[in-house]
């Protein structure tokens, strides 16, 4: 399981990568992008946990 610091670092990496390819045009858009990136990171974490527990493969 990843630590909270690892998760926060991954979110920051995703934000930076996304902003380099598609910079936000407003504060509201930036906040929405952050929420989406956090959701992606949480899904990655859940899938990793599920895979580790049950041998789930994609």
N, C-alpha and C. Protein backbone atom coordinates (compact mmCIF):
# COMPACT_ATOMS: atom_id res chain seq x y z
N UNK A 1 0.84 -1.18 0.00
CA UNK A 1 0.00 0.00 0.00
C UNK A 1 0.88 1.24 0.00
N UNK A 2 0.50 2.21 -0.79
CA UNK A 2 1.28 3.45 -0.86
C UNK A 2 0.93 4.37 0.30
N UNK A 3 1.93 5.15 0.70
CA UNK A 3 1.69 6.10 1.78
C UNK A 3 0.96 7.33 1.25
N UNK A 4 0.44 8.11 2.17
CA UNK A 4 -0.24 9.34 1.78
C UNK A 4 0.71 10.26 1.02
N UNK A 5 1.96 10.34 1.45
CA UNK A 5 2.94 11.18 0.75
C UNK A 5 3.16 10.72 -0.68
N UNK A 6 3.22 9.40 -0.89
CA UNK A 6 3.38 8.86 -2.24
C UNK A 6 2.18 9.23 -3.11
N UNK A 7 1.00 9.13 -2.55
CA UNK A 7 -0.22 9.46 -3.29
C UNK A 7 -0.24 10.95 -3.64
N UNK A 8 0.10 11.79 -2.67
CA UNK A 8 0.12 13.23 -2.94
C UNK A 8 1.17 13.59 -4.00
N UNK A 9 2.30 12.93 -3.95
CA UNK A 9 3.35 13.16 -4.95
C UNK A 9 2.87 12.75 -6.34
N UNK A 10 2.17 11.61 -6.40
CA UNK A 10 1.64 11.14 -7.69
C UNK A 10 0.60 12.12 -8.23
N UNK A 11 -0.26 12.65 -7.38
CA UNK A 11 -1.25 13.63 -7.80
C UNK A 11 -0.54 14.87 -8.36
N UNK A 12 0.48 15.33 -7.68
CA UNK A 12 1.23 16.50 -8.16
C UNK A 12 1.87 16.22 -9.52
N UNK A 13 2.41 15.02 -9.70
CA UNK A 13 2.99 14.65 -11.00
C UNK A 13 1.93 14.66 -12.10
N UNK A 14 0.76 14.12 -11.80
CA UNK A 14 -0.32 14.11 -12.77
C UNK A 14 -0.77 15.53 -13.11
N UNK A 15 -0.88 16.38 -12.10
CA UNK A 15 -1.26 17.77 -12.34
C UNK A 15 -0.26 18.47 -13.24
N UNK A 16 1.02 18.30 -12.96
CA UNK A 16 2.06 18.93 -13.77
C UNK A 16 2.03 18.43 -15.21
N UNK A 17 1.91 17.13 -15.38
CA UNK A 17 1.87 16.56 -16.73
C UNK A 17 0.66 17.07 -17.49
N UNK A 18 -0.48 17.12 -16.82
CA UNK A 18 -1.70 17.59 -17.47
C UNK A 18 -1.58 19.06 -17.84
N UNK A 19 -1.08 19.88 -16.92
CA UNK A 19 -0.95 21.31 -17.19
C UNK A 19 0.04 21.61 -18.31
N UNK A 20 1.06 20.78 -18.47
CA UNK A 20 2.02 20.99 -19.57
C UNK A 20 1.36 20.76 -20.92
N UNK A 21 0.42 19.83 -20.99
CA UNK A 21 -0.20 19.53 -22.27
C UNK A 21 -1.49 20.31 -22.51
N UNK A 22 -2.14 20.76 -21.44
CA UNK A 22 -3.41 21.48 -21.57
C UNK A 22 -3.58 22.42 -20.39
N UNK A 23 -2.93 23.57 -20.42
CA UNK A 23 -3.00 24.48 -19.27
C UNK A 23 -4.44 24.95 -19.00
N UNK A 24 -4.81 25.08 -17.74
CA UNK A 24 -6.17 25.53 -17.41
C UNK A 24 -6.37 26.98 -17.83
N UNK A 25 -7.62 27.30 -18.21
CA UNK A 25 -7.92 28.66 -18.64
C UNK A 25 -8.60 29.48 -17.56
N UNK A 26 -9.02 28.82 -16.47
CA UNK A 26 -9.65 29.54 -15.36
C UNK A 26 -9.39 28.78 -14.07
N UNK A 27 -9.64 29.46 -12.95
CA UNK A 27 -9.46 28.82 -11.65
C UNK A 27 -10.43 27.65 -11.47
N UNK A 28 -11.67 27.82 -11.94
CA UNK A 28 -12.66 26.75 -11.83
C UNK A 28 -12.22 25.53 -12.64
N UNK A 29 -11.71 25.76 -13.84
CA UNK A 29 -11.22 24.64 -14.65
C UNK A 29 -10.06 23.94 -13.97
N UNK A 30 -9.16 24.71 -13.37
CA UNK A 30 -8.02 24.13 -12.67
C UNK A 30 -8.49 23.26 -11.51
N UNK A 31 -9.47 23.74 -10.74
CA UNK A 31 -9.99 22.96 -9.62
C UNK A 31 -10.66 21.67 -10.10
N UNK A 32 -11.37 21.74 -11.22
CA UNK A 32 -12.02 20.55 -11.78
C UNK A 32 -10.97 19.54 -12.22
N UNK A 33 -9.91 20.03 -12.85
CA UNK A 33 -8.84 19.14 -13.29
C UNK A 33 -8.19 18.43 -12.10
N UNK A 34 -7.96 19.15 -11.02
CA UNK A 34 -7.36 18.57 -9.83
C UNK A 34 -8.28 17.48 -9.27
N UNK A 35 -9.57 17.74 -9.23
CA UNK A 35 -10.51 16.74 -8.72
C UNK A 35 -10.49 15.48 -9.59
N UNK A 36 -10.43 15.66 -10.89
CA UNK A 36 -10.38 14.51 -11.80
C UNK A 36 -9.09 13.73 -11.60
N UNK A 37 -7.98 14.42 -11.48
CA UNK A 37 -6.70 13.75 -11.29
C UNK A 37 -6.65 13.00 -9.97
N UNK A 38 -7.25 13.57 -8.93
CA UNK A 38 -7.31 12.86 -7.64
C UNK A 38 -8.15 11.60 -7.77
N UNK A 39 -9.25 11.68 -8.50
CA UNK A 39 -10.09 10.51 -8.69
C UNK A 39 -9.33 9.42 -9.46
N UNK A 40 -8.57 9.82 -10.47
CA UNK A 40 -7.76 8.86 -11.22
C UNK A 40 -6.76 8.18 -10.29
N UNK A 41 -6.10 8.95 -9.47
CA UNK A 41 -5.11 8.39 -8.54
C UNK A 41 -5.77 7.43 -7.57
N UNK A 42 -6.95 7.79 -7.06
CA UNK A 42 -7.64 6.89 -6.13
C UNK A 42 -8.03 5.59 -6.82
N UNK A 43 -8.47 5.68 -8.07
CA UNK A 43 -8.81 4.46 -8.81
C UNK A 43 -7.58 3.60 -9.03
N UNK A 44 -6.45 4.21 -9.37
CA UNK A 44 -5.21 3.45 -9.53
C UNK A 44 -4.88 2.72 -8.23
N UNK A 45 -5.02 3.41 -7.12
CA UNK A 45 -4.71 2.81 -5.82
C UNK A 45 -5.64 1.64 -5.52
N UNK A 46 -6.95 1.82 -5.75
CA UNK A 46 -7.91 0.76 -5.49
C UNK A 46 -7.60 -0.46 -6.35
N UNK A 47 -7.31 -0.24 -7.63
CA UNK A 47 -7.00 -1.35 -8.51
C UNK A 47 -5.73 -2.08 -8.07
N UNK A 48 -4.72 -1.34 -7.64
CA UNK A 48 -3.50 -1.96 -7.14
C UNK A 48 -3.78 -2.79 -5.89
N UNK A 49 -4.60 -2.25 -4.99
CA UNK A 49 -4.94 -2.98 -3.77
C UNK A 49 -5.73 -4.25 -4.10
N UNK A 50 -6.69 -4.12 -4.99
CA UNK A 50 -7.50 -5.26 -5.38
C UNK A 50 -6.64 -6.32 -6.05
N UNK A 51 -5.75 -5.90 -6.91
CA UNK A 51 -4.85 -6.83 -7.60
C UNK A 51 -3.96 -7.56 -6.60
N UNK A 52 -3.45 -6.84 -5.63
CA UNK A 52 -2.57 -7.42 -4.63
C UNK A 52 -3.31 -8.44 -3.75
N UNK A 53 -4.57 -8.16 -3.47
CA UNK A 53 -5.33 -9.05 -2.59
C UNK A 53 -5.86 -10.29 -3.30
N UNK A 54 -6.24 -10.16 -4.57
CA UNK A 54 -6.91 -11.29 -5.22
C UNK A 54 -6.21 -11.79 -6.47
N UNK A 55 -5.10 -11.19 -6.82
CA UNK A 55 -4.43 -11.62 -8.03
C UNK A 55 -5.17 -11.18 -9.28
N UNK A 56 -5.99 -10.16 -9.17
CA UNK A 56 -6.78 -9.63 -10.28
C UNK A 56 -5.86 -9.16 -11.39
N UNK A 57 -6.21 -9.50 -12.62
CA UNK A 57 -5.43 -9.02 -13.76
C UNK A 57 -6.33 -8.28 -14.72
N UNK A 58 -5.76 -7.33 -15.42
CA UNK A 58 -6.55 -6.56 -16.38
C UNK A 58 -6.36 -7.08 -17.76
